[in-house]
Amino acid sequence: MKTLKDVKVGENVTVARLHGEGPVKRRIMDMGITKGVEIYVRKVAPLGDPMELNVRGYELSVRKADAEMIEVM
């Protein structure tokens, strides 16, 4: 299983499914990250947290803990 946390800078991936429960999953979905969406990893902070992504035409920063809940292909 490959998660968003494992993706390298400059790669495009597609969301396969979301893990997590209740409010956390809801928050990820509210950010526009849903099944089938394309994500481009723009950059990662020096210590790996947060990651800067392009999702649905806008820029988004997510924490490493949240990125682990997003399964990609």
PDB file of N, CA and C in Angstrom:
ATOM      1  N   MET A   1       0.850  -1.193   0.000  1.00  0.00           N
ATOM      2  CA  MET A   1       0.000   0.000   0.000  1.00  0.00           C
ATOM      3  C   MET A   1       0.888   1.247   0.000  1.00  0.00           C
ATOM      4  N   LYS A   2       0.696   2.095  -0.988  1.00  0.00           N
ATOM      5  CA  LYS A   2       1.468   3.335  -1.101  1.00  0.00           C
ATOM      6  C   LYS A   2       0.592   4.497  -0.621  1.00  0.00           C
ATOM      7  N   THR A   3       1.138   5.303   0.284  1.00  0.00           N
ATOM      8  CA  THR A   3       0.376   6.458   0.762  1.00  0.00           C
ATOM      9  C   THR A   3       0.987   7.736   0.209  1.00  0.00           C
ATOM     10  N   LEU A   4       0.283   8.822   0.373  1.00  0.00           N
ATOM     11  CA  LEU A   4       0.747  10.117  -0.112  1.00  0.00           C
ATOM     12  C   LEU A   4       2.085  10.497   0.520  1.00  0.00           C
ATOM     13  N   LYS A   5       2.325  10.025   1.734  1.00  0.00           N
ATOM     14  CA  LYS A   5       3.579  10.323   2.433  1.00  0.00           C
ATOM     15  C   LYS A   5       4.794   9.760   1.683  1.00  0.00           C
ATOM     16  N   ASP A   6       4.600   8.661   0.938  1.00  0.00           N
ATOM     17  CA  ASP A   6       5.691   7.990   0.219  1.00  0.00           C
ATOM     18  C   ASP A   6       6.003   8.613  -1.139  1.00  0.00           C
ATOM     19  N   VAL A   7       5.165   9.525  -1.603  1.00  0.00           N
ATOM     20  CA  VAL A   7       5.324  10.105  -2.937  1.00  0.00           C
ATOM     21  C   VAL A   7       6.455  11.135  -2.951  1.00  0.00           C
ATOM     22  N   LYS A   8       7.254  11.099  -4.011  1.00  0.00           N
ATOM     23  CA  LYS A   8       8.387  12.020  -4.136  1.00  0.00           C
ATOM     24  C   LYS A   8       7.942  13.343  -4.758  1.00  0.00           C
ATOM     25  N   VAL A   9       8.725  14.394  -4.521  1.00  0.00           N
ATOM     26  CA  VAL A   9       8.448  15.711  -5.090  1.00  0.00           C
ATOM     27  C   VAL A   9       8.463  15.611  -6.615  1.00  0.00           C
ATOM     28  N   GLY A  10       7.469  16.237  -7.251  1.00  0.00           N
ATOM     29  CA  GLY A  10       7.391  16.239  -8.708  1.00  0.00           C
ATOM     30  C   GLY A  10       6.545  15.118  -9.286  1.00  0.00           C
ATOM     31  N   GLU A  11       6.041  14.226  -8.443  1.00  0.00           N
ATOM     32  CA  GLU A  11       5.225  13.113  -8.935  1.00  0.00           C
ATOM     33  C   GLU A  11       3.740  13.452  -8.923  1.00  0.00           C
ATOM     34  N   ASN A  12       3.026  12.866  -9.893  1.00  0.00           N
ATOM     35  CA  ASN A  12       1.569  12.935  -9.947  1.00  0.00           C
ATOM     36  C   ASN A  12       1.023  11.592  -9.501  1.00  0.00           C
ATOM     37  N   VAL A  13       0.023  11.608  -8.646  1.00  0.00           N
ATOM     38  CA  VAL A  13      -0.619  10.368  -8.203  1.00  0.00           C
ATOM     39  C   VAL A  13      -2.135  10.550  -8.207  1.00  0.00           C
ATOM     40  N   THR A  14      -2.845   9.441  -8.134  1.00  0.00           N
ATOM     41  CA  THR A  14      -4.302   9.457  -8.055  1.00  0.00           C
ATOM     42  C   THR A  14      -4.714   8.836  -6.727  1.00  0.00           C
ATOM     43  N   VAL A  15      -5.685   9.447  -6.062  1.00  0.00           N
ATOM     44  CA  VAL A  15      -6.161   8.936  -4.775  1.00  0.00           C
ATOM     45  C   VAL A  15      -6.936   7.639  -5.001  1.00  0.00           C
ATOM     46  N   ALA A  16      -6.524   6.574  -4.307  1.00  0.00           N
ATOM     47  CA  ALA A  16      -7.204   5.279  -4.406  1.00  0.00           C
ATOM     48  C   ALA A  16      -8.302   5.175  -3.345  1.00  0.00           C
ATOM     49  N   ARG A  17      -7.949   5.528  -2.096  1.00  0.00           N
ATOM     50  CA  ARG A  17      -8.957   5.547  -1.027  1.00  0.00           C
ATOM     51  C   ARG A  17      -8.433   6.313   0.175  1.00  0.00           C
ATOM     52  N   LEU A  18      -9.358   6.676   1.052  1.00  0.00           N
ATOM     53  CA  LEU A  18      -9.011   7.408   2.264  1.00  0.00           C
ATOM     54  C   LEU A  18      -9.182   6.498   3.475  1.00  0.00           C
ATOM     55  N   HIS A  19      -8.207   6.560   4.370  1.00  0.00           N
ATOM     56  CA  HIS A  19      -8.315   5.841   5.634  1.00  0.00           C
ATOM     57  C   HIS A  19      -8.638   6.890   6.695  1.00  0.00           C
ATOM     58  N   GLY A  20      -8.847   6.466   7.907  1.00  0.00           N
ATOM     59  CA  GLY A  20      -9.155   7.436   8.958  1.00  0.00           C
ATOM     60  C   GLY A  20     -10.622   7.383   9.321  1.00  0.00           C
ATOM     61  N   GLU A  21     -10.934   8.004  10.436  1.00  0.00           N
ATOM     62  CA  GLU A  21     -12.290   7.941  10.970  1.00  0.00           C
ATOM     63  C   GLU A  21     -12.901   9.323  11.142  1.00  0.00           C
ATOM     64  N   GLY A  22     -14.208   9.377  11.090  1.00  0.00           N
ATOM     65  CA  GLY A  22     -15.003  10.563  11.421  1.00  0.00           C
ATOM     66  C   GLY A  22     -14.462  11.908  10.989  1.00  0.00           C
ATOM     67  N   PRO A  23     -14.217  12.795  11.978  1.00  0.00           N
ATOM     68  CA  PRO A  23     -13.846  14.186  11.683  1.00  0.00           C
ATOM     69  C   PRO A  23     -12.559  14.322  10.870  1.00  0.00           C
ATOM     70  N   VAL A  24     -11.606  13.430  11.083  1.00  0.00           N
ATOM     71  CA  VAL A  24     -10.339  13.518  10.353  1.00  0.00           C
ATOM     72  C   VAL A  24     -10.568  13.237   8.873  1.00  0.00           C
ATOM     73  N   LYS A  25     -11.293  12.170   8.573  1.00  0.00           N
ATOM     74  CA  LYS A  25     -11.608  11.816   7.190  1.00  0.00           C
ATOM     75  C   LYS A  25     -12.450  12.921   6.534  1.00  0.00           C
ATOM     76  N   ARG A  26     -13.388  13.442   7.275  1.00  0.00           N
ATOM     77  CA  ARG A  26     -14.256  14.514   6.779  1.00  0.00           C
ATOM     78  C   ARG A  26     -13.425  15.749   6.407  1.00  0.00           C
ATOM     79  N   ARG A  27     -12.435  16.094   7.264  1.00  0.00           N
ATOM     80  CA  ARG A  27     -11.588  17.259   7.014  1.00  0.00           C
ATOM     81  C   ARG A  27     -10.773  17.071   5.731  1.00  0.00           C
ATOM     82  N   ILE A  28     -10.231  15.867   5.542  1.00  0.00           N
ATOM     83  CA  ILE A  28      -9.466  15.574   4.324  1.00  0.00           C
ATOM     84  C   ILE A  28     -10.362  15.711   3.098  1.00  0.00           C
ATOM     85  N   MET A  29     -11.571  15.190   3.180  1.00  0.00           N
ATOM     86  CA  MET A  29     -12.510  15.284   2.063  1.00  0.00           C
ATOM     87  C   MET A  29     -12.923  16.737   1.810  1.00  0.00           C
ATOM     88  N   ASP A  30     -13.080  17.521   2.870  1.00  0.00           N
ATOM     89  CA  ASP A  30     -13.434  18.936   2.724  1.00  0.00           C
ATOM     90  C   ASP A  30     -12.337  19.722   2.009  1.00  0.00           C
ATOM     91  N   MET A  31     -11.084  19.240   2.095  1.00  0.00           N
ATOM     92  CA  MET A  31      -9.972  19.900   1.409  1.00  0.00           C
ATOM     93  C   MET A  31      -9.960  19.566  -0.080  1.00  0.00           C
ATOM     94  N   GLY A  32     -10.877  18.700  -0.515  1.00  0.00           N
ATOM     95  CA  GLY A  32     -10.958  18.359  -1.935  1.00  0.00           C
ATOM     96  C   GLY A  32     -10.253  17.068  -2.293  1.00  0.00           C
ATOM     97  N   ILE A  33      -9.740  16.370  -1.278  1.00  0.00           N
ATOM     98  CA  ILE A  33      -9.040  15.110  -1.536  1.00  0.00           C
ATOM     99  C   ILE A  33     -10.047  13.974  -1.412  1.00  0.00           C
ATOM    100  N   THR A  34     -10.501  13.485  -2.568  1.00  0.00           N
ATOM    101  CA  THR A  34     -11.468  12.394  -2.604  1.00  0.00           C
ATOM    102  C   THR A  34     -10.978  11.333  -3.584  1.00  0.00           C
ATOM    103  N   LYS A  35     -11.605  10.185  -3.579  1.00  0.00           N
ATOM    104  CA  LYS A  35     -11.202   9.078  -4.444  1.00  0.00           C
ATOM    105  C   LYS A  35     -11.202   9.515  -5.913  1.00  0.00           C
ATOM    106  N   GLY A  36     -10.125   9.167  -6.632  1.00  0.00           N
ATOM    107  CA  GLY A  36     -10.038   9.456  -8.057  1.00  0.00           C
ATOM    108  C   GLY A  36      -9.417  10.799  -8.400  1.00  0.00           C
ATOM    109  N   VAL A  37      -9.130  11.616  -7.394  1.00  0.00           N
ATOM    110  CA  VAL A  37      -8.575  12.950  -7.636  1.00  0.00           C
ATOM    111  C   VAL A  37      -7.066  12.868  -7.889  1.00  0.00           C
ATOM    112  N   GLU A  38      -6.584  13.696  -8.835  1.00  0.00           N
ATOM    113  CA  GLU A  38      -5.153  13.758  -9.144  1.00  0.00           C
ATOM    114  C   GLU A  38      -4.474  14.707  -8.162  1.00  0.00           C
ATOM    115  N   ILE A  39      -3.313  14.291  -7.652  1.00  0.00           N
ATOM    116  CA  ILE A  39      -2.532  15.135  -6.740  1.00  0.00           C
ATOM    117  C   ILE A  39      -1.117  15.250  -7.275  1.00  0.00           C
ATOM    118  N   TYR A  40      -0.606  16.463  -7.315  1.00  0.00           N
ATOM    119  CA  TYR A  40       0.775  16.716  -7.711  1.00  0.00           C
ATOM    120  C   TYR A  40       1.539  17.196  -6.472  1.00  0.00           C
ATOM    121  N   VAL A  41       2.640  16.523  -6.139  1.00  0.00           N
ATOM    122  CA  VAL A  41       3.438  16.911  -4.970  1.00  0.00           C
ATOM    123  C   VAL A  41       4.414  18.002  -5.397  1.00  0.00           C
ATOM    124  N   ARG A  42       4.169  19.230  -4.951  1.00  0.00           N
ATOM    125  CA  ARG A  42       4.986  20.383  -5.325  1.00  0.00           C
ATOM    126  C   ARG A  42       6.296  20.459  -4.566  1.00  0.00           C
ATOM    127  N   LYS A  43       6.210  20.370  -3.253  1.00  0.00           N
ATOM    128  CA  LYS A  43       7.428  20.354  -2.442  1.00  0.00           C
ATOM    129  C   LYS A  43       7.136  19.832  -1.049  1.00  0.00           C
ATOM    130  N   VAL A  44       8.226  19.463  -0.365  1.00  0.00           N
ATOM    131  CA  VAL A  44       8.125  18.946   0.998  1.00  0.00           C
ATOM    132  C   VAL A  44       9.083  19.767   1.851  1.00  0.00           C
ATOM    133  N   ALA A  45       8.628  20.176   3.020  1.00  0.00           N
ATOM    134  CA  ALA A  45       9.467  20.964   3.924  1.00  0.00           C
ATOM    135  C   ALA A  45      10.728  20.170   4.294  1.00  0.00           C
ATOM    136  N   PRO A  46      11.804  20.859   4.663  1.00  0.00           N
ATOM    137  CA  PRO A  46      13.079  20.185   4.975  1.00  0.00           C
ATOM    138  C   PRO A  46      12.971  19.010   5.951  1.00  0.00           C
ATOM    139  N   LEU A  47      12.123  19.114   6.942  1.00  0.00           N
ATOM    140  CA  LEU A  47      11.968  18.017   7.900  1.00  0.00           C
ATOM    141  C   LEU A  47      10.828  17.073   7.511  1.00  0.00           C
ATOM    142  N   GLY A  48      10.285  17.268   6.320  1.00  0.00           N
ATOM    143  CA  GLY A  48       9.242  16.371   5.820  1.00  0.00           C
ATOM    144  C   GLY A  48       7.829  16.755   6.183  1.00  0.00           C
ATOM    145  N   ASP A  49       7.662  17.803   6.962  1.00  0.00           N
ATOM    146  CA  ASP A  49       6.323  18.197   7.411  1.00  0.00           C
ATOM    147  C   ASP A  49       6.171  19.700   7.321  1.00  0.00           C
ATOM    148  N   PRO A  50       5.236  20.285   6.639  1.00  0.00           N
ATOM    149  CA  PRO A  50       4.181  19.654   5.839  1.00  0.00           C
ATOM    150  C   PRO A  50       4.613  19.412   4.387  1.00  0.00           C
ATOM    151  N   MET A  51       3.680  18.826   3.626  1.00  0.00           N
ATOM    152  CA  MET A  51       3.865  18.628   2.187  1.00  0.00           C
ATOM    153  C   MET A  51       3.006  19.662   1.477  1.00  0.00           C
ATOM    154  N   GLU A  52       3.525  20.204   0.385  1.00  0.00           N
ATOM    155  CA  GLU A  52       2.743  21.157  -0.398  1.00  0.00           C
ATOM    156  C   GLU A  52       2.265  20.462  -1.670  1.00  0.00           C
ATOM    157  N   LEU A  53       0.948  20.485  -1.881  1.00  0.00           N
ATOM    158  CA  LEU A  53       0.331  19.746  -2.981  1.00  0.00           C
ATOM    159  C   LEU A  53      -0.461  20.665  -3.896  1.00  0.00           C
ATOM    160  N   ASN A  54      -0.654  20.230  -5.132  1.00  0.00           N
ATOM    161  CA  ASN A  54      -1.613  20.864  -6.029  1.00  0.00           C
ATOM    162  C   ASN A  54      -2.768  19.879  -6.183  1.00  0.00           C
ATOM    163  N   VAL A  55      -3.961  20.317  -5.781  1.00  0.00           N
ATOM    164  CA  VAL A  55      -5.164  19.483  -5.838  1.00  0.00           C
ATOM    165  C   VAL A  55      -6.271  20.304  -6.461  1.00  0.00           C
ATOM    166  N   ARG A  56      -6.890  19.787  -7.511  1.00  0.00           N
ATOM    167  CA  ARG A  56      -8.022  20.473  -8.160  1.00  0.00           C
ATOM    168  C   ARG A  56      -7.711  21.931  -8.504  1.00  0.00           C
ATOM    169  N   GLY A  57      -6.461  22.209  -8.886  1.00  0.00           N
ATOM    170  CA  GLY A  57      -6.106  23.549  -9.339  1.00  0.00           C
ATOM    171  C   GLY A  57      -5.742  24.535  -8.237  1.00  0.00           C
ATOM    172  N   TYR A  58      -5.639  24.084  -6.995  1.00  0.00           N
ATOM    173  CA  TYR A  58      -5.201  24.998  -5.940  1.00  0.00           C
ATOM    174  C   TYR A  58      -4.101  24.351  -5.113  1.00  0.00           C
ATOM    175  N   GLU A  59      -3.381  25.182  -4.355  1.00  0.00           N
ATOM    176  CA  GLU A  59      -2.281  24.684  -3.528  1.00  0.00           C
ATOM    177  C   GLU A  59      -2.784  24.373  -2.129  1.00  0.00           C
ATOM    178  N   LEU A  60      -2.242  23.305  -1.571  1.00  0.00           N
ATOM    179  CA  LEU A  60      -2.703  22.810  -0.283  1.00  0.00           C
ATOM    180  C   LEU A  60      -1.515  22.257   0.483  1.00  0.00           C
ATOM    181  N   SER A  61      -1.443  22.538   1.764  1.00  0.00           N
ATOM    182  CA  SER A  61      -0.407  21.954   2.624  1.00  0.00           C
ATOM    183  C   SER A  61      -1.063  20.947   3.553  1.00  0.00           C
ATOM    184  N   VAL A  62      -0.477  19.759   3.632  1.00  0.00           N
ATOM    185  CA  VAL A  62      -1.002  18.740   4.544  1.00  0.00           C
ATOM    186  C   VAL A  62       0.110  18.211   5.439  1.00  0.00           C
ATOM    187  N   ARG A  63      -0.262  17.843   6.646  1.00  0.00           N
ATOM    188  CA  ARG A  63       0.697  17.261   7.582  1.00  0.00           C
ATOM    189  C   ARG A  63       1.002  15.825   7.173  1.00  0.00           C
ATOM    190  N   LYS A  64       2.168  15.364   7.605  1.00  0.00           N
ATOM    191  CA  LYS A  64       2.595  14.002   7.293  1.00  0.00           C
ATOM    192  C   LYS A  64       1.594  12.977   7.839  1.00  0.00           C
ATOM    193  N   ALA A  65       1.062  13.248   9.026  1.00  0.00           N
ATOM    194  CA  ALA A  65       0.094  12.329   9.647  1.00  0.00           C
ATOM    195  C   ALA A  65      -1.161  12.194   8.787  1.00  0.00           C
ATOM    196  N   ASP A  66      -1.600  13.304   8.176  1.00  0.00           N
ATOM    197  CA  ASP A  66      -2.776  13.253   7.296  1.00  0.00           C
ATOM    198  C   ASP A  66      -2.424  12.566   5.982  1.00  0.00           C
ATOM    199  N   ALA A  67      -1.215  12.819   5.469  1.00  0.00           N
ATOM    200  CA  ALA A  67      -0.781  12.208   4.207  1.00  0.00           C
ATOM    201  C   ALA A  67      -0.744  10.685   4.306  1.00  0.00           C
ATOM    202  N   GLU A  68      -0.464  10.163   5.500  1.00  0.00           N
ATOM    203  CA  GLU A  68      -0.425   8.701   5.699  1.00  0.00           C
ATOM    204  C   GLU A  68      -1.801   8.059   5.541  1.00  0.00           C
ATOM    205  N   MET A  69      -2.856   8.846   5.697  1.00  0.00           N
ATOM    206  CA  MET A  69      -4.212   8.308   5.605  1.00  0.00           C
ATOM    207  C   MET A  69      -4.739   8.290   4.179  1.00  0.00           C
ATOM    208  N   ILE A  70      -3.956   8.833   3.236  1.00  0.00           N
ATOM    209  CA  ILE A  70      -4.398   8.928   1.848  1.00  0.00           C
ATOM    210  C   ILE A  70      -3.658   7.889   1.020  1.00  0.00           C
ATOM    211  N   GLU A  71      -4.369   6.854   0.618  1.00  0.00           N
ATOM    212  CA  GLU A  71      -3.777   5.783  -0.196  1.00  0.00           C
ATOM    213  C   GLU A  71      -3.823   6.210  -1.657  1.00  0.00           C
ATOM    214  N   VAL A  72      -2.676   6.083  -2.337  1.00  0.00           N
ATOM    215  CA  VAL A  72      -2.577   6.544  -3.729  1.00  0.00           C
ATOM    216  C   VAL A  72      -2.091   5.432  -4.644  1.00  0.00           C
ATOM    217  N   MET A  73      -2.276   5.656  -5.970  1.00  0.00           N
ATOM    218  CA  MET A  73      -1.751   4.713  -6.958  1.00  0.00           C
ATOM    219  C   MET A  73      -1.072   5.472  -8.080  1.00  0.00           C
TER     220      MET A  73
END
